[in-house]
Protein backbone atom coordinates (compact mmCIF):
# COMPACT_ATOMS: atom_id res chain seq x y z
CA MET A 1 -19.52 120.30 -89.91
CA THR A 2 -16.04 120.07 -92.01
CA GLU A 3 -13.38 119.44 -90.18
CA LEU A 4 -9.51 119.48 -91.52
CA CYS A 5 -6.38 117.46 -89.90
CA TYR A 6 -4.39 119.01 -86.94
CA VAL A 7 -0.85 117.82 -87.14
CA TYR A 8 0.95 117.41 -84.01
CA ALA A 9 4.14 115.47 -84.69
CA VAL A 10 5.85 112.93 -87.06
CA THR A 11 7.27 110.08 -85.55
CA ARG A 12 8.72 106.42 -86.70
CA PRO A 13 6.37 103.71 -86.02
CA PHE A 14 6.21 102.31 -82.19
CA ASP A 15 5.11 99.75 -80.06
CA GLY A 16 2.33 101.02 -77.37
CA ALA A 17 -0.58 103.43 -77.27
CA LEU A 18 -1.61 106.68 -76.64
CA PRO A 19 -3.43 106.86 -73.22
CA GLU A 20 -7.40 106.54 -73.28
CA GLY A 21 -9.43 109.74 -72.86
CA LEU A 22 -6.15 111.66 -74.15
CA ALA A 23 -8.07 114.74 -75.52
CA GLY A 24 -6.34 116.85 -78.03
CA VAL A 25 -6.85 120.56 -79.80
CA ALA A 26 -10.70 121.04 -79.72
CA GLY A 27 -11.48 118.01 -77.20
CA THR A 28 -10.89 115.30 -79.88
CA PRO A 29 -8.77 112.63 -79.11
CA PRO A 30 -5.55 112.15 -81.23
CA ARG A 31 -5.03 109.54 -84.00
CA LEU A 32 -2.37 107.81 -85.82
CA LEU A 33 -1.62 107.60 -89.78
CA ALA A 34 1.01 105.84 -90.69
CA HIS A 35 2.79 106.44 -94.49
CA ASP A 36 5.47 104.74 -96.05
CA GLY A 37 7.46 104.32 -92.98
CA LEU A 38 6.50 107.80 -91.08
CA LEU A 39 3.71 108.30 -88.60
CA ALA A 40 2.13 111.39 -88.38
CA VAL A 41 -0.05 112.45 -85.04
CA LEU A 42 -2.99 113.88 -85.69
CA GLY A 43 -6.70 115.06 -84.75
CA ASP A 44 -9.95 116.36 -86.41
CA VAL A 45 -10.64 120.04 -86.00
CA PRO A 46 -13.55 121.97 -86.99
CA ALA A 47 -12.94 124.05 -90.54
CA ASP A 48 -14.64 127.01 -88.33
CA ASP A 49 -11.74 127.40 -86.13
CA PHE A 50 -8.50 126.47 -88.48
CA SER A 51 -8.98 127.25 -91.59
CA GLU A 52 -7.11 129.94 -92.67
CA GLU A 53 -8.77 133.04 -91.96
CA PRO A 54 -10.46 132.13 -89.12
CA LEU A 55 -7.08 130.55 -87.64
CA ARG A 56 -5.24 133.97 -88.04
CA ALA A 57 -7.94 135.83 -86.26
CA ARG A 58 -8.20 133.11 -83.53
CA LEU A 59 -4.08 133.05 -83.08
CA GLU A 60 -5.12 136.98 -81.92
CA ASP A 61 -6.81 135.61 -79.09
CA LEU A 62 -4.95 135.00 -76.11
CA ASP A 63 -7.08 132.82 -74.29
CA TRP A 64 -7.99 130.57 -77.21
CA LEU A 65 -4.04 130.84 -78.03
CA THR A 66 -3.05 129.51 -74.36
CA SER A 67 -5.78 126.64 -74.43
CA THR A 68 -5.01 125.73 -77.70
CA ALA A 69 -1.51 125.64 -77.20
CA ARG A 70 -1.88 123.27 -73.61
CA ALA A 71 -3.89 120.92 -75.73
CA HIS A 72 -1.36 120.54 -78.20
CA GLU A 73 1.62 119.97 -75.10
CA ALA A 74 -0.44 117.54 -73.59
CA VAL A 75 -0.86 115.27 -76.62
CA ILE A 76 3.30 115.74 -77.44
CA GLY A 77 4.04 115.03 -73.90
CA ALA A 78 1.86 111.55 -73.95
CA LEU A 79 3.84 110.73 -77.23
CA ALA A 80 6.85 111.29 -75.22
CA ALA A 81 6.54 108.55 -72.78
CA VAL A 82 6.01 105.96 -75.57
CA THR A 83 8.62 107.39 -78.57
CA SER A 84 10.65 110.33 -79.70
CA PRO A 85 8.59 112.74 -81.90
CA LEU A 86 9.33 115.44 -83.87
CA PRO A 87 6.90 118.24 -82.84
CA LEU A 88 5.24 120.55 -85.37
CA ARG A 89 4.75 123.61 -85.01
CA LEU A 90 1.64 125.04 -83.32
CA ALA A 91 -1.69 124.94 -85.46
CA THR A 92 -0.19 122.93 -88.56
CA VAL A 93 -3.33 121.63 -90.32
CA CYS A 94 -4.05 119.87 -93.60
CA ASN A 95 -7.22 119.92 -95.52
CA ASP A 96 -7.57 116.00 -95.09
CA ASP A 97 -5.85 112.78 -94.65
CA GLY A 98 -4.22 112.85 -98.23
CA GLY A 99 -2.51 116.37 -97.37
CA VAL A 100 -1.45 114.92 -94.22
CA ARG A 101 0.03 112.04 -96.60
CA ARG A 102 1.73 114.86 -98.92
CA LEU A 103 3.09 116.92 -95.97
CA LEU A 104 5.18 113.55 -94.86
CA ASP A 105 5.82 113.23 -98.53
CA SER A 106 7.23 116.74 -99.09
CA GLY A 107 9.37 116.85 -96.00
CA ARG A 108 10.48 113.26 -95.96
CA GLU A 109 14.03 113.72 -96.03
CA ARG A 110 13.90 116.33 -93.02
CA PHE A 111 11.80 114.50 -91.22
CA THR A 112 13.90 111.76 -91.18
CA ARG A 113 16.94 113.61 -91.08
CA CYS A 114 15.65 115.04 -87.18
CA LEU A 115 14.13 112.06 -86.14
CA GLU A 116 17.49 109.97 -86.45
CA ARG A 117 19.27 113.02 -84.48
CA LEU A 118 16.71 113.07 -81.58
CA ASP A 119 16.10 109.61 -81.23
CA GLY A 120 16.16 108.61 -77.88
CA ARG A 121 16.44 112.32 -76.84
CA VAL A 122 14.77 114.72 -74.26
CA GLU A 123 15.04 118.66 -74.14
CA TRP A 124 15.60 120.15 -70.47
CA GLY A 125 14.94 124.07 -70.12
CA VAL A 126 16.74 125.85 -67.68
CA LYS A 127 15.76 129.16 -66.37
CA ALA A 128 18.54 131.91 -64.14
CA TYR A 129 17.01 134.88 -62.79
CA ALA A 130 18.87 137.37 -59.83
CA ARG A 131 18.00 136.25 -56.70
CA GLU A 132 16.84 140.00 -55.79
CA ALA A 133 14.65 141.68 -58.67
CA PRO A 134 16.99 144.45 -60.11
CA GLU A 135 13.85 147.18 -59.80
CA THR A 136 14.29 147.36 -55.94
CA SER A 137 16.48 147.59 -53.19
CA ARG A 138 16.67 148.65 -49.52
CA ASP A 139 16.35 152.22 -50.50
CA ASP A 140 13.09 151.93 -52.45
CA ALA A 141 11.65 150.42 -49.49
CA THR A 142 12.74 153.84 -47.43
CA THR A 143 11.04 155.80 -50.09
CA SER A 144 7.14 155.74 -50.52
CA THR A 145 4.32 158.15 -52.01
CA GLY A 146 1.13 158.35 -50.46
CA PRO A 147 -1.44 161.50 -49.68
CA LYS A 148 1.24 163.27 -47.79
CA GLY A 149 4.09 162.96 -50.20
CA PRO A 150 7.28 161.08 -49.97
CA THR A 151 8.79 160.26 -46.71
CA GLY A 152 12.39 159.69 -46.05
CA PRO A 153 15.27 161.63 -46.09
CA THR A 154 13.90 165.18 -45.60
CA GLY A 155 15.19 168.85 -45.57
CA PRO A 156 13.76 171.41 -43.38
CA THR A 157 10.68 171.68 -45.10
CA GLY A 158 10.23 168.01 -44.81
CA ALA A 159 10.37 167.26 -48.06
CA PRO A 160 13.84 165.19 -49.67
CA SER A 161 16.05 167.59 -50.52
CA GLY A 162 17.51 167.79 -54.18
CA ARG A 163 20.98 166.36 -53.06
CA ASP A 164 19.65 163.74 -50.91
CA TYR A 165 17.43 162.50 -53.65
CA LEU A 166 20.13 162.30 -56.51
CA ARG A 167 22.25 160.45 -53.70
CA GLN A 168 19.39 157.97 -52.99
CA ARG A 169 18.86 157.40 -56.50
CA LEU A 170 22.31 156.54 -57.51
CA ARG A 171 22.79 153.85 -54.86
CA GLN A 172 19.73 152.34 -56.14
CA ARG A 173 21.04 152.17 -59.76
CA ASN A 174 24.14 150.86 -58.40
CA ALA A 175 22.60 148.43 -56.61
CA ARG A 176 20.28 147.05 -59.42
CA SER A 177 23.94 147.18 -61.73
CA SER A 178 25.78 145.23 -59.20
CA ILE A 179 22.59 142.87 -58.69
CA LEU A 180 22.65 142.10 -62.60
CA ALA A 181 25.88 142.26 -62.83
CA GLU A 182 26.56 139.77 -60.62
CA ALA A 183 23.66 137.70 -61.78
CA ASP A 184 24.93 137.83 -65.38
CA THR A 185 28.31 136.48 -64.54
CA GLY A 186 26.63 133.48 -62.84
CA SER A 187 24.20 132.78 -65.26
CA ARG A 188 27.08 132.56 -68.16
CA LEU A 189 29.12 130.22 -66.29
CA LEU A 190 25.87 128.37 -65.45
CA HIS A 191 25.59 127.68 -69.04
CA GLN A 192 29.10 127.13 -69.86
CA GLU A 193 29.02 124.12 -67.89
CA LEU A 194 25.78 122.86 -68.82
CA SER A 195 26.35 123.07 -72.67
CA ARG A 196 29.67 120.88 -71.88
CA ARG A 197 27.30 118.26 -70.94
CA ALA A 198 24.49 118.81 -73.86
CA GLU A 199 24.49 117.81 -77.30
CA ASP A 200 22.89 120.74 -78.35
CA VAL A 201 21.67 123.80 -77.22
CA ARG A 202 19.41 126.81 -77.79
CA VAL A 203 19.54 130.08 -75.91
CA HIS A 204 15.93 131.63 -76.24
CA ARG A 205 15.22 135.61 -76.03
CA LEU A 206 14.47 136.39 -72.20
CA GLN A 207 11.51 136.39 -70.61
CA ASP A 208 9.87 140.02 -70.63
CA ALA A 209 8.86 140.66 -67.01
CA ARG A 210 6.17 142.95 -67.98
CA LEU A 211 4.00 139.46 -69.27
CA PRO A 212 1.61 138.54 -66.59
CA GLY A 213 3.26 135.97 -64.66
CA VAL A 214 6.74 136.41 -65.28
CA PRO A 215 9.06 136.95 -62.82
CA ARG A 216 12.07 139.95 -62.82
CA GLY A 217 15.19 139.68 -63.41
CA ASN A 218 15.61 136.78 -66.20
CA VAL A 219 19.51 136.38 -66.91
CA LEU A 220 18.94 133.09 -68.84
CA ASN A 221 16.30 131.04 -71.02
CA ALA A 222 18.17 128.08 -72.38
CA ALA A 223 17.26 124.41 -73.65
CA TYR A 224 19.59 121.37 -73.74
CA LEU A 225 19.39 118.51 -75.62
CA LEU A 226 20.59 115.38 -74.18
CA PRO A 227 20.27 111.41 -73.87
CA ARG A 228 17.30 110.39 -71.62
CA GLU A 229 19.07 108.14 -69.73
CA GLN A 230 21.52 111.32 -68.53
CA SER A 231 19.04 112.91 -67.35
CA GLU A 232 19.21 112.27 -63.48
CA ALA A 233 22.71 113.15 -63.73
CA PHE A 234 22.11 116.29 -65.74
CA VAL A 235 19.26 117.24 -63.02
CA GLU A 236 21.73 116.71 -60.41
CA GLU A 237 24.15 119.16 -61.96
CA VAL A 238 21.84 121.71 -62.12
CA ARG A 239 20.86 121.60 -59.09
CA ARG A 240 24.92 121.53 -57.55
CA LEU A 241 25.47 124.57 -60.03
CA GLY A 242 22.70 126.43 -58.94
CA ALA A 243 23.77 125.78 -55.00
CA ARG A 244 27.25 127.13 -55.97
CA SER A 245 25.70 130.19 -57.96
CA PRO A 246 25.04 133.14 -54.96
CA GLY A 247 23.83 135.51 -57.56
CA ILE A 248 20.74 133.22 -59.49
CA ARG A 249 17.87 131.44 -58.66
CA VAL A 250 17.51 128.72 -60.95
CA GLU A 251 14.31 127.04 -62.65
CA LEU A 252 14.32 123.65 -64.31
CA THR A 253 11.68 122.05 -66.26
CA GLY A 254 11.49 118.98 -68.08
CA PRO A 255 11.99 116.70 -69.37
CA TRP A 256 10.42 117.38 -72.63
CA ALA A 257 9.86 116.04 -75.89
CA PRO A 258 12.78 118.20 -78.16
CA TYR A 259 10.48 121.15 -79.42
CA SER A 260 13.76 123.55 -79.59
CA PHE A 261 15.73 121.05 -81.66
CA ALA A 262 12.94 120.39 -84.30
CA ASP A 263 14.51 122.37 -86.72
CA VAL A 264 13.02 121.49 -89.78
CA THR A 265 11.67 124.22 -92.05
CA ASP A 266 8.50 126.09 -91.30
CA PRO A 267 5.67 123.35 -90.40
CA ALA A 268 3.31 125.89 -91.36
CA ARG A 269 4.58 126.16 -95.09
CA GLU A 270 4.64 122.58 -94.93
CA GLY A 271 1.31 122.53 -93.71
CA SER A 272 -0.12 124.73 -96.81
CA GLU A 273 1.71 122.78 -98.69
CA GLY A 274 0.17 119.31 -97.51
CA ARG A 275 -3.21 120.91 -98.23
């Protein structure tokens, strides 16, 4: 079976080794390829899945994409325990080891610059949500729809009067606006304080509550870069600020390899150049 090289990350040479039994994308263990002062972390993957045309179709398969992303992140996480990796984009693929060397050569200046900037740094993710889901309110709970029609404020016929219905909807709308406004203010203050403690910041798109498993009311989705040794103090600060912000619920994740700050040029393009 023809195989290609899936490239996870670029690092400087490091002491130590990846954990035994670590499985990467396609279930194959990652390996290291040293080239002129840089180190590529890669794995062998089947061309039937990762050559250009099959890969384009695979990227539309949500289950396959999720499984591949988890395997990719597992390798990056293992790397982050022993060095400061520069993660490459999901599905960066070269034809062979020679293509990987060409990838390292073509991106050498960018890779070196980023590795210097990210050395010893980690990424922490912070999300903030409105404490009450803005789509619901107490008034919503008093009105339900069933086989006998709506229940709640009623007119002489047992159905809600037009005036009562409009008043109820106005109260609901005002409550939602108030919840979101309070959460927005709290998230801005939180972000402002955390940004002062970070070396760099990336603000990501807010999560879409229509997606499965995503909570409603996301008002902040940001990543913060800081030296690894400052992580404990940063975590305590997030907890302290979260407790002082009554309008929001704060979610902290990390430490991660600095995915959000690995801003070299498009690795997918680099991968094609390295083929």
